Amino acid sequence: MHLALSETDEALGYYEQALLIVQVIGDRLGKANCLKSFGDYHRQQEDYKTAFSQYEAAAVLFGKIGNREGQAECLEGFAKFHEAKGEADKAAETWEKAAELYNTLGMPKRALPCAEAAERLRGNGL
């Protein structure tokens, strides 16, 4: 919510606090969600190297706990990362993977925007 309100510094502080809490209580899903949120934050700040590593760590953790929806959300983050870097082909490929995973999970409403983003990139480039 804070990122949507452009309160990025405040949001980062909350994510850091949340990460400490979930680490103390051993909440791996909470940790994965925090890592993904850190990725979103750093991508929006155009710190792409940090964003990529946060998405990667989150995706690995989501995979370890069997949270495929979280993995799909990380794919969305990776796709946005590639788009921001001007890597249209890589972004489209990643959007397609996210759409496929959402469809596999029976989440067509989540898949559709991903498929549309891939189509937009395949048809128009960035």
Foldseek 3Di string as FASTA:
>chain_A
DCVVVVVLVVVLVVLVVQCVVCVVVVPLLSNLVSLQVVLVSCVVVVVLVSSLVSLVVSLVSCVVVVNLLSNLSSLQSVLSSCVVVQNLVVSLVSLQVSLVSCVVVVNNVRNVVSNVSSVCCVVPRD
